[in-house]
Amino acid sequence: MENKYNLKSPAVKRLMKEAAELRDPTEHYHAQPLEDNLFEWHFSVRGPPDSDFDGGVYHGRIVLPPEYPMKPPSIILLTPNGRFEVGKKICLSISGHHPETWQPSWSIRTALIAIIGFMPTKGEGAIGSLDYTPEERKALAKKSQDFCCETCGCSMRSALLTLNPNSHPSAEDHKAKKLAQQINFKAESSLSRQESSRGAESKPSTITEGDTSTSASQEAAAWPQAEVADPTPATGVEGSLPHTAPSTGHPLSPRQRRTQQHNHQARRDSREPTNRPAFALTARPPQDQSYAGSVVLIVVLTLALAALIFRRIYLANEYKFDYEL
């Protein structure tokens, strides 16, 4: 396999290192790449204890992108389990459905432990999730022992080591479990944010025509106070205006928003002369002075020219008078 791939590639280096670290199966998980494809791994995980999946061993695929570990892998379960759909990419915060939550420090070991941690959680309608009853999941957990992968030839009865109560997890397992706990916490926080946003969207908006005029008058009284509290001039009209009334918290109607934008634009135009830089004000007097100086110079030259003309006429008349005498 080493001759087939570019050993200078960061993804190839990382995957070969992880393959060496995960070569030996453990009591809870095992994963290795296919013989002819370094970017497709097959894994086996044991169901979490004290759950509906206790006693089950589940098999699946991990398809890694060429940009790994900068981009997350795609995870596909092959064993019926009642929590994830079979043969479909599942939606987890560690999978390709959420590249925004993926971190390059996470590894395949982290993903395996996170899958075990995600199994007892609720599907919440996510892509590739199922919500079977506890009885159905327990029945599938027993049947999972008979599963054998046709691609890699792995049998679930011998895929993992036998559980030993006296065994101690390795340092890598401790580190991976901490990361998996962080992943689970992020998933729960994101679900809570989605539920809160759905709850906020489901609240009906009850604003009548009478309330429109009332809230518009309250708006006009509240906005000057807001300007005193925040003296920073707005750079845009529409982008800086809230879409709810300051006093009532109800969403504004189109008429109220237009009134609000018009008042805000008028106030901004009235503030513009005072907000201009000082150098613009001090630059105007020299222009006025130079203009006045030019006018004075033109007047003086005009008077001098007129004096010369009158003097020439006077001298001509005086010469003509002397000639007649």
C-alpha atoms as a PDB file:
ATOM      1  CA  MET A   1       0.000   0.000   0.000  1.00  0.00           C
ATOM      2  CA  GLU A   2       2.925   2.369   0.666  1.00  0.00           C
ATOM      3  CA  ASN A   3       3.952   2.289  -3.010  1.00  0.00           C
ATOM      4  CA  LYS A   4       0.424   3.232  -4.088  1.00  0.00           C
ATOM      5  CA  TYR A   5       0.208   6.603  -2.318  1.00  0.00           C
ATOM      6  CA  ASN A   6       2.304   9.732  -2.091  1.00  0.00           C
ATOM      7  CA  LEU A   7       4.049   9.474   1.251  1.00  0.00           C
ATOM      8  CA  LYS A   8       4.589  13.251   1.303  1.00  0.00           C
ATOM      9  CA  SER A   9       0.844  13.881   1.459  1.00  0.00           C
ATOM     10  CA  PRO A  10      -0.290  15.043   4.942  1.00  0.00           C
ATOM     11  CA  ALA A  11      -3.420  12.876   4.689  1.00  0.00           C
ATOM     12  CA  VAL A  12      -1.437   9.758   3.822  1.00  0.00           C
ATOM     13  CA  LYS A  13       1.048  10.365   6.635  1.00  0.00           C
ATOM     14  CA  ARG A  14      -1.736  10.889   9.145  1.00  0.00           C
ATOM     15  CA  LEU A  15      -3.763   7.848   8.082  1.00  0.00           C
ATOM     16  CA  MET A  16      -0.772   5.511   8.079  1.00  0.00           C
ATOM     17  CA  LYS A  17       0.149   6.702  11.559  1.00  0.00           C
ATOM     18  CA  GLU A  18      -3.403   6.122  12.831  1.00  0.00           C
ATOM     19  CA  ALA A  19      -3.538   2.714  11.157  1.00  0.00           C
ATOM     20  CA  ALA A  20      -0.407   1.710  13.080  1.00  0.00           C
ATOM     21  CA  GLU A  21      -1.892   2.978  16.349  1.00  0.00           C
ATOM     22  CA  LEU A  22      -5.208   1.126  15.830  1.00  0.00           C
ATOM     23  CA  ARG A  23      -3.750  -2.095  14.456  1.00  0.00           C
ATOM     24  CA  ASP A  24      -4.568  -4.128  17.564  1.00  0.00           C
ATOM     25  CA  PRO A  25      -8.258  -4.427  18.533  1.00  0.00           C
ATOM     26  CA  THR A  26      -9.423  -3.329  21.964  1.00  0.00           C
ATOM     27  CA  GLU A  27     -12.395  -4.363  24.073  1.00  0.00           C
ATOM     28  CA  HIS A  28     -14.548  -1.491  22.804  1.00  0.00           C
ATOM     29  CA  TYR A  29     -13.462  -0.607  19.265  1.00  0.00           C
ATOM     30  CA  HIS A  30     -11.248  -1.501  16.343  1.00  0.00           C
ATOM     31  CA  ALA A  31     -10.671   0.094  12.921  1.00  0.00           C
ATOM     32  CA  GLN A  32      -8.368  -0.522   9.985  1.00  0.00           C
ATOM     33  CA  PRO A  33      -8.225   0.659   6.356  1.00  0.00           C
ATOM     34  CA  LEU A  34      -9.049  -1.666   3.485  1.00  0.00           C
ATOM     35  CA  GLU A  35      -6.114  -3.395   1.832  1.00  0.00           C
ATOM     36  CA  ASP A  36      -6.616  -1.563  -1.465  1.00  0.00           C
ATOM     37  CA  ASN A  37      -7.937   1.795  -0.201  1.00  0.00           C
ATOM     38  CA  LEU A  38      -6.297   3.818   2.546  1.00  0.00           C
ATOM     39  CA  PHE A  39      -9.159   6.324   2.539  1.00  0.00           C
ATOM     40  CA  GLU A  40     -11.873   3.777   3.407  1.00  0.00           C
ATOM     41  CA  TRP A  41     -11.804   2.189   6.841  1.00  0.00           C
ATOM     42  CA  HIS A  42     -14.001  -0.463   8.420  1.00  0.00           C
ATOM     43  CA  PHE A  43     -14.637  -0.292  12.140  1.00  0.00           C
ATOM     44  CA  SER A  44     -16.325  -2.258  14.887  1.00  0.00           C
ATOM     45  CA  VAL A  45     -17.621  -0.762  18.143  1.00  0.00           C
ATOM     46  CA  ARG A  46     -19.190  -2.324  21.195  1.00  0.00           C
ATOM     47  CA  GLY A  47     -22.509  -0.962  22.383  1.00  0.00           C
ATOM     48  CA  PRO A  48     -22.292   1.209  25.507  1.00  0.00           C
ATOM     49  CA  PRO A  49     -22.992  -0.661  28.747  1.00  0.00           C
ATOM     50  CA  ASP A  50     -26.194  -0.085  30.729  1.00  0.00           C
ATOM     51  CA  SER A  51     -28.041   0.963  27.571  1.00  0.00           C
ATOM     52  CA  ASP A  52     -30.329  -0.555  24.949  1.00  0.00           C
ATOM     53  CA  PHE A  53     -27.207  -1.434  22.937  1.00  0.00           C
ATOM     54  CA  ASP A  54     -25.464  -3.375  25.709  1.00  0.00           C
ATOM     55  CA  GLY A  55     -24.103  -6.659  24.381  1.00  0.00           C
ATOM     56  CA  GLY A  56     -24.111  -5.580  20.741  1.00  0.00           C
ATOM     57  CA  VAL A  57     -21.144  -5.170  18.405  1.00  0.00           C
ATOM     58  CA  TYR A  58     -21.723  -2.906  15.418  1.00  0.00           C
ATOM     59  CA  HIS A  59     -19.810  -2.640  12.168  1.00  0.00           C
ATOM     60  CA  GLY A  60     -19.489   0.316   9.809  1.00  0.00           C
ATOM     61  CA  ARG A  61     -17.463   2.263   7.261  1.00  0.00           C
ATOM     62  CA  ILE A  62     -15.461   5.482   7.553  1.00  0.00           C
ATOM     63  CA  VAL A  63     -14.825   7.288   4.247  1.00  0.00           C
ATOM     64  CA  LEU A  64     -12.123   9.918   4.553  1.00  0.00           C
ATOM     65  CA  PRO A  65     -11.652  12.885   2.182  1.00  0.00           C
ATOM     66  CA  PRO A  66      -8.281  13.612   0.539  1.00  0.00           C
ATOM     67  CA  GLU A  67      -8.076  16.768   2.703  1.00  0.00           C
ATOM     68  CA  TYR A  68      -8.155  14.783   5.957  1.00  0.00           C
ATOM     69  CA  PRO A  69      -7.576  15.807   8.757  1.00  0.00           C
ATOM     70  CA  MET A  70      -8.607  19.297   7.665  1.00  0.00           C
ATOM     71  CA  LYS A  71     -12.035  17.970   6.639  1.00  0.00           C
ATOM     72  CA  PRO A  72     -14.191  15.437   8.548  1.00  0.00           C
ATOM     73  CA  PRO A  73     -14.881  11.850   7.503  1.00  0.00           C
ATOM     74  CA  SER A  74     -18.210  10.350   6.528  1.00  0.00           C
ATOM     75  CA  ILE A  75     -19.537   7.584   8.805  1.00  0.00           C
ATOM     76  CA  ILE A  76     -21.828   4.773   7.611  1.00  0.00           C
ATOM     77  CA  LEU A  77     -23.232   1.968   9.795  1.00  0.00           C
ATOM     78  CA  LEU A  78     -23.592  -1.490   8.233  1.00  0.00           C
ATOM     79  CA  THR A  79     -25.137  -3.363  11.195  1.00  0.00           C
ATOM     80  CA  PRO A  80     -28.824  -2.837  12.051  1.00  0.00           C
ATOM     81  CA  ASN A  81     -28.877  -1.108  15.439  1.00  0.00           C
ATOM     82  CA  GLY A  82     -32.052   0.958  15.838  1.00  0.00           C
ATOM     83  CA  ARG A  83     -30.177   4.246  16.327  1.00  0.00           C
ATOM     84  CA  PHE A  84     -28.604   4.899  12.903  1.00  0.00           C
ATOM     85  CA  GLU A  85     -29.837   3.982   9.454  1.00  0.00           C
ATOM     86  CA  VAL A  86     -27.933   1.239   7.658  1.00  0.00           C
ATOM     87  CA  GLY A  87     -25.952   2.183   4.545  1.00  0.00           C
ATOM     88  CA  LYS A  88     -26.543   5.924   4.943  1.00  0.00           C
ATOM     89  CA  LYS A  89     -24.164   8.681   5.996  1.00  0.00           C
ATOM     90  CA  ILE A  90     -25.143   9.650   9.522  1.00  0.00           C
ATOM     91  CA  CYS A  91     -25.325  13.233  10.737  1.00  0.00           C
ATOM     92  CA  LEU A  92     -23.040  13.861  13.714  1.00  0.00           C
ATOM     93  CA  SER A  93     -20.871  16.782  14.766  1.00  0.00           C
ATOM     94  CA  ILE A  94     -17.838  14.620  13.868  1.00  0.00           C
ATOM     95  CA  SER A  95     -19.090  13.623  10.400  1.00  0.00           C
ATOM     96  CA  GLY A  96     -19.048  15.244   6.989  1.00  0.00           C
ATOM     97  CA  HIS A  97     -22.478  16.787   7.547  1.00  0.00           C
ATOM     98  CA  HIS A  98     -20.937  19.320   9.973  1.00  0.00           C
ATOM     99  CA  PRO A  99     -17.526  20.455   8.692  1.00  0.00           C
ATOM    100  CA  GLU A 100     -17.872  23.644  10.744  1.00  0.00           C
ATOM    101  CA  THR A 101     -17.557  21.709  14.024  1.00  0.00           C
ATOM    102  CA  TRP A 102     -14.737  19.414  12.951  1.00  0.00           C
ATOM    103  CA  GLN A 103     -11.257  19.958  14.397  1.00  0.00           C
ATOM    104  CA  PRO A 104      -8.046  18.611  12.808  1.00  0.00           C
ATOM    105  CA  SER A 105      -6.867  17.431  16.238  1.00  0.00           C
ATOM    106  CA  TRP A 106      -9.623  14.803  16.260  1.00  0.00           C
ATOM    107  CA  SER A 107      -8.783  11.364  14.920  1.00  0.00           C
ATOM    108  CA  ILE A 108     -10.459   8.112  13.939  1.00  0.00           C
ATOM    109  CA  ARG A 109     -10.041   6.901  17.507  1.00  0.00           C
ATOM    110  CA  THR A 110     -11.912   9.995  18.700  1.00  0.00           C
ATOM    111  CA  ALA A 111     -14.675   9.351  16.171  1.00  0.00           C
ATOM    112  CA  LEU A 112     -15.088   5.740  17.307  1.00  0.00           C
ATOM    113  CA  ILE A 113     -15.429   6.691  20.972  1.00  0.00           C
ATOM    114  CA  ALA A 114     -17.801   9.510  20.020  1.00  0.00           C
ATOM    115  CA  ILE A 115     -19.994   7.068  18.070  1.00  0.00           C
ATOM    116  CA  ILE A 116     -20.274   4.892  21.181  1.00  0.00           C
ATOM    117  CA  GLY A 117     -21.199   7.977  23.191  1.00  0.00           C
ATOM    118  CA  PHE A 118     -23.798   9.099  20.646  1.00  0.00           C
ATOM    119  CA  MET A 119     -25.635   5.775  20.476  1.00  0.00           C
ATOM    120  CA  PRO A 120     -27.785   6.207  23.652  1.00  0.00           C
ATOM    121  CA  THR A 121     -28.763   9.766  22.679  1.00  0.00           C
ATOM    122  CA  LYS A 122     -31.982  10.730  20.929  1.00  0.00           C
ATOM    123  CA  GLY A 123     -32.075  11.024  17.160  1.00  0.00           C
ATOM    124  CA  GLU A 124     -34.043  14.306  17.145  1.00  0.00           C
ATOM    125  CA  GLY A 125     -34.837  13.825  13.449  1.00  0.00           C
ATOM    126  CA  ALA A 126     -31.207  14.167  12.321  1.00  0.00           C
ATOM    127  CA  ILE A 127     -30.104  12.733   8.974  1.00  0.00           C
ATOM    128  CA  GLY A 128     -29.553   8.996   9.243  1.00  0.00           C
ATOM    129  CA  SER A 129     -31.029   8.771  12.771  1.00  0.00           C
ATOM    130  CA  LEU A 130     -33.623   6.317  14.040  1.00  0.00           C
ATOM    131  CA  ASP A 131     -35.682   6.160  17.228  1.00  0.00           C
ATOM    132  CA  TYR A 132     -36.515   2.495  17.733  1.00  0.00           C
ATOM    133  CA  THR A 133     -38.087   1.254  20.934  1.00  0.00           C
ATOM    134  CA  PRO A 134     -35.792  -0.168  23.655  1.00  0.00           C
ATOM    135  CA  GLU A 135     -37.083  -3.676  22.992  1.00  0.00           C
ATOM    136  CA  GLU A 136     -36.265  -3.454  19.285  1.00  0.00           C
ATOM    137  CA  ARG A 137     -32.763  -2.128  19.987  1.00  0.00           C
ATOM    138  CA  LYS A 138     -32.040  -4.908  22.491  1.00  0.00           C
ATOM    139  CA  ALA A 139     -33.171  -7.496  19.988  1.00  0.00           C
ATOM    140  CA  LEU A 140     -30.930  -5.966  17.308  1.00  0.00           C
ATOM    141  CA  ALA A 141     -28.026  -5.921  19.780  1.00  0.00           C
ATOM    142  CA  LYS A 142     -28.292  -9.702  20.171  1.00  0.00           C
ATOM    143  CA  LYS A 143     -28.527 -10.237  16.412  1.00  0.00           C
ATOM    144  CA  SER A 144     -25.492  -8.012  15.768  1.00  0.00           C
ATOM    145  CA  GLN A 145     -23.182 -10.781  17.020  1.00  0.00           C
ATOM    146  CA  ASP A 146     -24.026 -12.823  13.920  1.00  0.00           C
ATOM    147  CA  PHE A 147     -23.084 -10.088  11.456  1.00  0.00           C
ATOM    148  CA  CYS A 148     -20.125 -10.669   9.116  1.00  0.00           C
ATOM    149  CA  CYS A 149     -18.884  -7.999   6.692  1.00  0.00           C
ATOM    150  CA  GLU A 150     -18.695  -9.191   3.081  1.00  0.00           C
ATOM    151  CA  THR A 151     -16.100  -6.550   2.151  1.00  0.00           C
ATOM    152  CA  CYS A 152     -13.464  -6.973   4.864  1.00  0.00           C
ATOM    153  CA  GLY A 153     -14.535 -10.406   6.123  1.00  0.00           C
ATOM    154  CA  CYS A 154     -14.735  -9.226   9.737  1.00  0.00           C
ATOM    155  CA  SER A 155     -16.985 -11.237  12.080  1.00  0.00           C
ATOM    156  CA  MET A 156     -18.529  -9.458  15.052  1.00  0.00           C
ATOM    157  CA  ARG A 157     -17.943 -12.425  17.348  1.00  0.00           C
ATOM    158  CA  SER A 158     -14.172 -12.062  17.003  1.00  0.00           C
ATOM    159  CA  ALA A 159     -13.808  -8.418  16.004  1.00  0.00           C
ATOM    160  CA  LEU A 160     -13.110  -7.137  19.548  1.00  0.00           C
ATOM    161  CA  LEU A 161     -11.380  -8.443  22.617  1.00  0.00           C
ATOM    162  CA  THR A 162     -13.462 -10.079  25.315  1.00  0.00           C
ATOM    163  CA  LEU A 163     -14.595  -7.716  28.032  1.00  0.00           C
ATOM    164  CA  ASN A 164     -12.379  -7.869  31.108  1.00  0.00           C
ATOM    165  CA  PRO A 165     -13.475  -5.983  34.249  1.00  0.00           C
ATOM    166  CA  ASN A 166      -9.850  -5.657  35.384  1.00  0.00           C
ATOM    167  CA  SER A 167      -8.596  -4.035  32.184  1.00  0.00           C
ATOM    168  CA  HIS A 168      -7.431  -0.404  32.259  1.00  0.00           C
ATOM    169  CA  PRO A 169      -7.811   1.991  29.312  1.00  0.00           C
ATOM    170  CA  SER A 170      -4.666   3.403  27.747  1.00  0.00           C
ATOM    171  CA  ALA A 171      -3.559   7.027  27.747  1.00  0.00           C
ATOM    172  CA  GLU A 172      -4.804   7.408  24.181  1.00  0.00           C
ATOM    173  CA  ASP A 173      -8.224   6.158  25.277  1.00  0.00           C
ATOM    174  CA  HIS A 174      -8.354   8.721  28.089  1.00  0.00           C
ATOM    175  CA  LYS A 175      -7.472  11.512  25.688  1.00  0.00           C
ATOM    176  CA  ALA A 176      -9.992  10.331  23.100  1.00  0.00           C
ATOM    177  CA  LYS A 177     -12.734  10.059  25.741  1.00  0.00           C
ATOM    178  CA  LYS A 178     -12.148  13.652  26.827  1.00  0.00           C
ATOM    179  CA  LEU A 179     -12.440  14.822  23.241  1.00  0.00           C
ATOM    180  CA  ALA A 180     -15.546  12.689  22.744  1.00  0.00           C
ATOM    181  CA  GLN A 181     -17.143  14.275  25.808  1.00  0.00           C
ATOM    182  CA  GLN A 182     -16.477  17.699  24.307  1.00  0.00           C
ATOM    183  CA  ILE A 183     -18.065  16.556  21.054  1.00  0.00           C
ATOM    184  CA  ASN A 184     -21.149  15.289  22.884  1.00  0.00           C
ATOM    185  CA  PHE A 185     -21.407  18.555  24.801  1.00  0.00           C
ATOM    186  CA  LYS A 186     -21.237  20.571  21.578  1.00  0.00           C
ATOM    187  CA  ALA A 187     -23.950  18.410  20.045  1.00  0.00           C
ATOM    188  CA  GLU A 188     -26.234  18.918  23.045  1.00  0.00           C
ATOM    189  CA  SER A 189     -25.640  22.686  23.078  1.00  0.00           C
ATOM    190  CA  SER A 190     -26.373  22.928  19.345  1.00  0.00           C
ATOM    191  CA  LEU A 191     -29.600  20.944  19.814  1.00  0.00           C
ATOM    192  CA  SER A 192     -30.675  23.236  22.642  1.00  0.00           C
ATOM    193  CA  ARG A 193     -29.992  26.289  20.474  1.00  0.00           C
ATOM    194  CA  GLN A 194     -32.058  24.808  17.649  1.00  0.00           C
ATOM    195  CA  GLU A 195     -34.948  24.087  20.021  1.00  0.00           C
ATOM    196  CA  SER A 196     -34.844  27.620  21.433  1.00  0.00           C
ATOM    197  CA  SER A 197     -34.794  29.116  17.933  1.00  0.00           C
ATOM    198  CA  ARG A 198     -37.730  26.943  16.886  1.00  0.00           C
ATOM    199  CA  GLY A 199     -39.621  28.026  20.000  1.00  0.00           C
ATOM    200  CA  ALA A 200     -38.991  31.681  19.224  1.00  0.00           C
ATOM    201  CA  GLU A 201     -40.152  31.250  15.620  1.00  0.00           C
ATOM    202  CA  SER A 202     -43.326  29.447  16.684  1.00  0.00           C
ATOM    203  CA  LYS A 203     -44.562  32.409  18.802  1.00  0.00           C
ATOM    204  CA  PRO A 204     -47.288  34.241  16.807  1.00  0.00           C
ATOM    205  CA  SER A 205     -46.992  37.934  16.088  1.00  0.00           C
ATOM    206  CA  THR A 206     -50.177  39.793  17.211  1.00  0.00           C
ATOM    207  CA  ILE A 207     -49.901  43.429  16.126  1.00  0.00           C
ATOM    208  CA  THR A 208     -53.109  45.218  15.054  1.00  0.00           C
ATOM    209  CA  GLU A 209     -53.540  48.481  13.212  1.00  0.00           C
ATOM    210  CA  GLY A 210     -54.194  50.311  16.493  1.00  0.00           C
ATOM    211  CA  ASP A 211     -51.017  48.913  17.973  1.00  0.00           C
ATOM    212  CA  THR A 212     -49.119  50.034  14.878  1.00  0.00           C
ATOM    213  CA  SER A 213     -49.779  53.728  15.442  1.00  0.00           C
ATOM    214  CA  THR A 214     -49.116  53.397  19.180  1.00  0.00           C
ATOM    215  CA  SER A 215     -45.829  51.608  18.726  1.00  0.00           C
ATOM    216  CA  ALA A 216     -44.786  54.101  16.036  1.00  0.00           C
ATOM    217  CA  SER A 217     -45.294  57.016  18.444  1.00  0.00           C
ATOM    218  CA  GLN A 218     -43.424  55.158  21.197  1.00  0.00           C
ATOM    219  CA  GLU A 219     -40.679  54.483  18.703  1.00  0.00           C
ATOM    220  CA  ALA A 220     -40.294  58.159  17.836  1.00  0.00           C
ATOM    221  CA  ALA A 221     -39.978  59.005  21.543  1.00  0.00           C
ATOM    222  CA  ALA A 222     -37.509  56.245  22.276  1.00  0.00           C
ATOM    223  CA  TRP A 223     -35.090  56.773  19.407  1.00  0.00           C
ATOM    224  CA  PRO A 224     -33.670  60.190  20.531  1.00  0.00           C
ATOM    225  CA  GLN A 225     -32.816  58.639  23.903  1.00  0.00           C
ATOM    226  CA  ALA A 226     -31.046  55.820  22.124  1.00  0.00           C
ATOM    227  CA  GLU A 227     -29.005  58.353  20.155  1.00  0.00           C
ATOM    228  CA  VAL A 228     -27.899  60.142  23.321  1.00  0.00           C
ATOM    229  CA  ALA A 229     -26.816  56.855  24.844  1.00  0.00           C
ATOM    230  CA  ASP A 230     -24.883  55.869  21.705  1.00  0.00           C
ATOM    231  CA  PRO A 231     -23.210  58.925  20.107  1.00  0.00           C
ATOM    232  CA  THR A 232     -21.436  56.873  17.435  1.00  0.00           C
ATOM    233  CA  PRO A 233     -22.771  57.871  13.986  1.00  0.00           C
ATOM    234  CA  ALA A 234     -24.384  55.104  11.971  1.00  0.00           C
ATOM    235  CA  THR A 235     -22.731  54.143   8.722  1.00  0.00           C
ATOM    236  CA  GLY A 236     -25.887  52.719   7.142  1.00  0.00           C
ATOM    237  CA  VAL A 237     -29.611  53.225   7.531  1.00  0.00           C
ATOM    238  CA  GLU A 238     -31.100  49.816   7.126  1.00  0.00           C
ATOM    239  CA  GLY A 239     -28.273  47.720   8.539  1.00  0.00           C
ATOM    240  CA  SER A 240     -28.158  49.583  11.878  1.00  0.00           C
ATOM    241  CA  LEU A 241     -31.872  49.699  12.685  1.00  0.00           C
ATOM    242  CA  PRO A 242     -33.526  47.077  14.905  1.00  0.00           C
ATOM    243  CA  HIS A 243     -36.521  45.217  13.509  1.00  0.00           C
ATOM    244  CA  THR A 244     -38.443  45.284  16.791  1.00  0.00           C
ATOM    245  CA  ALA A 245     -40.020  48.126  18.728  1.00  0.00           C
ATOM    246  CA  PRO A 246     -37.725  49.230  21.628  1.00  0.00           C
ATOM    247  CA  SER A 247     -40.559  49.453  24.138  1.00  0.00           C
ATOM    248  CA  THR A 248     -42.807  46.521  23.251  1.00  0.00           C
ATOM    249  CA  GLY A 249     -40.383  44.041  21.662  1.00  0.00           C
ATOM    250  CA  HIS A 250     -42.914  43.207  18.883  1.00  0.00           C
ATOM    251  CA  PRO A 251     -41.674  42.917  15.279  1.00  0.00           C
ATOM    252  CA  LEU A 252     -42.193  46.076  13.238  1.00  0.00           C
ATOM    253  CA  SER A 253     -44.529  46.324  10.280  1.00  0.00           C
ATOM    254  CA  PRO A 254     -43.244  47.589   6.880  1.00  0.00           C
ATOM    255  CA  ARG A 255     -44.878  50.978   7.542  1.00  0.00           C
ATOM    256  CA  GLN A 256     -43.106  51.327  10.875  1.00  0.00           C
ATOM    257  CA  ARG A 257     -39.758  50.342   9.354  1.00  0.00           C
ATOM    258  CA  ARG A 258     -40.155  52.938   6.587  1.00  0.00           C
ATOM    259  CA  THR A 259     -41.005  55.637   9.149  1.00  0.00           C
ATOM    260  CA  GLN A 260     -38.074  54.585  11.291  1.00  0.00           C
ATOM    261  CA  GLN A 261     -35.662  54.656   8.339  1.00  0.00           C
ATOM    262  CA  HIS A 262     -36.925  58.076   7.230  1.00  0.00           C
ATOM    263  CA  ASN A 263     -36.482  59.575  10.718  1.00  0.00           C
ATOM    264  CA  HIS A 264     -33.066  58.005  11.092  1.00  0.00           C
ATOM    265  CA  GLN A 265     -31.943  59.349   7.703  1.00  0.00           C
ATOM    266  CA  ALA A 266     -33.167  62.855   8.598  1.00  0.00           C
ATOM    267  CA  ARG A 267     -31.300  62.784  11.912  1.00  0.00           C
ATOM    268  CA  ARG A 268     -28.152  61.535  10.232  1.00  0.00           C
ATOM    269  CA  ASP A 269     -28.318  64.289   7.589  1.00  0.00           C
ATOM    270  CA  SER A 270     -28.699  66.914  10.337  1.00  0.00           C
ATOM    271  CA  ARG A 271     -25.648  65.507  12.121  1.00  0.00           C
ATOM    272  CA  GLU A 272     -23.427  65.435   9.039  1.00  0.00           C
ATOM    273  CA  PRO A 273     -22.204  69.123   9.178  1.00  0.00           C
ATOM    274  CA  THR A 274     -21.017  68.681  12.771  1.00  0.00           C
ATOM    275  CA  ASN A 275     -19.377  65.364  11.998  1.00  0.00           C
ATOM    276  CA  ARG A 276     -17.237  66.699   9.175  1.00  0.00           C
ATOM    277  CA  PRO A 277     -13.493  66.840   9.879  1.00  0.00           C
ATOM    278  CA  ALA A 278     -11.939  70.096  11.044  1.00  0.00           C
ATOM    279  CA  PHE A 279      -9.551  70.387   8.127  1.00  0.00           C
ATOM    280  CA  ALA A 280     -12.496  70.746   5.711  1.00  0.00           C
ATOM    281  CA  LEU A 281     -13.796  73.764   7.651  1.00  0.00           C
ATOM    282  CA  THR A 282     -10.412  75.429   7.882  1.00  0.00           C
ATOM    283  CA  ALA A 283      -9.698  74.867   4.197  1.00  0.00           C
ATOM    284  CA  ARG A 284     -12.559  77.085   3.023  1.00  0.00           C
ATOM    285  CA  PRO A 285     -11.407  80.550   4.284  1.00  0.00           C
ATOM    286  CA  PRO A 286      -8.256  80.610   2.071  1.00  0.00           C
ATOM    287  CA  GLN A 287     -10.423  79.918  -0.979  1.00  0.00           C
ATOM    288  CA  ASP A 288     -12.755  82.824  -0.046  1.00  0.00           C
ATOM    289  CA  GLN A 289      -9.812  85.154   0.583  1.00  0.00           C
ATOM    290  CA  SER A 290      -8.169  84.353  -2.731  1.00  0.00           C
ATOM    291  CA  TYR A 291     -11.469  84.952  -4.516  1.00  0.00           C
ATOM    292  CA  ALA A 292     -11.896  88.327  -2.806  1.00  0.00           C
ATOM    293  CA  GLY A 293      -8.305  89.271  -3.627  1.00  0.00           C
ATOM    294  CA  SER A 294      -8.886  88.496  -7.298  1.00  0.00           C
ATOM    295  CA  VAL A 295     -11.964  90.723  -7.361  1.00  0.00           C
ATOM    296  CA  VAL A 296     -10.082  93.620  -5.770  1.00  0.00           C
ATOM    297  CA  LEU A 297      -7.209  93.241  -8.242  1.00  0.00           C
ATOM    298  CA  ILE A 298      -9.605  93.287 -11.199  1.00  0.00           C
ATOM    299  CA  VAL A 299     -11.306  96.439  -9.880  1.00  0.00           C
ATOM    300  CA  VAL A 300      -7.965  98.210  -9.388  1.00  0.00           C
ATOM    301  CA  LEU A 301      -6.768  97.319 -12.867  1.00  0.00           C
ATOM    302  CA  THR A 302     -10.058  98.482 -14.360  1.00  0.00           C
ATOM    303  CA  LEU A 303      -9.789 101.847 -12.582  1.00  0.00           C
ATOM    304  CA  ALA A 304      -6.173 102.270 -13.694  1.00  0.00           C
ATOM    305  CA  LEU A 305      -7.112 101.535 -17.301  1.00  0.00           C
ATOM    306  CA  ALA A 306      -9.988 103.998 -17.114  1.00  0.00           C
ATOM    307  CA  ALA A 307      -7.646 106.664 -15.710  1.00  0.00           C
ATOM    308  CA  LEU A 308      -5.209 106.132 -18.573  1.00  0.00           C
ATOM    309  CA  ILE A 309      -8.004 106.439 -21.134  1.00  0.00           C
ATOM    310  CA  PHE A 310      -9.345 109.656 -19.596  1.00  0.00           C
ATOM    311  CA  ARG A 311      -5.834 111.093 -19.437  1.00  0.00           C
ATOM    312  CA  ARG A 312      -5.264 110.292 -23.118  1.00  0.00           C
ATOM    313  CA  ILE A 313      -8.530 111.988 -24.071  1.00  0.00           C
ATOM    314  CA  TYR A 314      -7.660 115.000 -21.956  1.00  0.00           C
ATOM    315  CA  LEU A 315      -4.230 115.399 -23.539  1.00  0.00           C
ATOM    316  CA  ALA A 316      -5.686 115.061 -27.034  1.00  0.00           C
ATOM    317  CA  ASN A 317      -8.247 117.796 -26.387  1.00  0.00           C
ATOM    318  CA  GLU A 318      -5.621 120.115 -24.909  1.00  0.00           C
ATOM    319  CA  TYR A 319      -3.343 119.676 -27.948  1.00  0.00           C
ATOM    320  CA  LYS A 320      -6.229 120.459 -30.312  1.00  0.00           C
ATOM    321  CA  PHE A 321      -7.019 123.642 -28.427  1.00  0.00           C
ATOM    322  CA  ASP A 322      -3.414 124.861 -28.677  1.00  0.00           C
ATOM    323  CA  TYR A 323      -3.305 124.109 -32.391  1.00  0.00           C
ATOM    324  CA  GLU A 324      -6.357 126.303 -33.121  1.00  0.00           C
ATOM    325  CA  LEU A 325      -4.817 129.217 -31.302  1.00  0.00           C
END
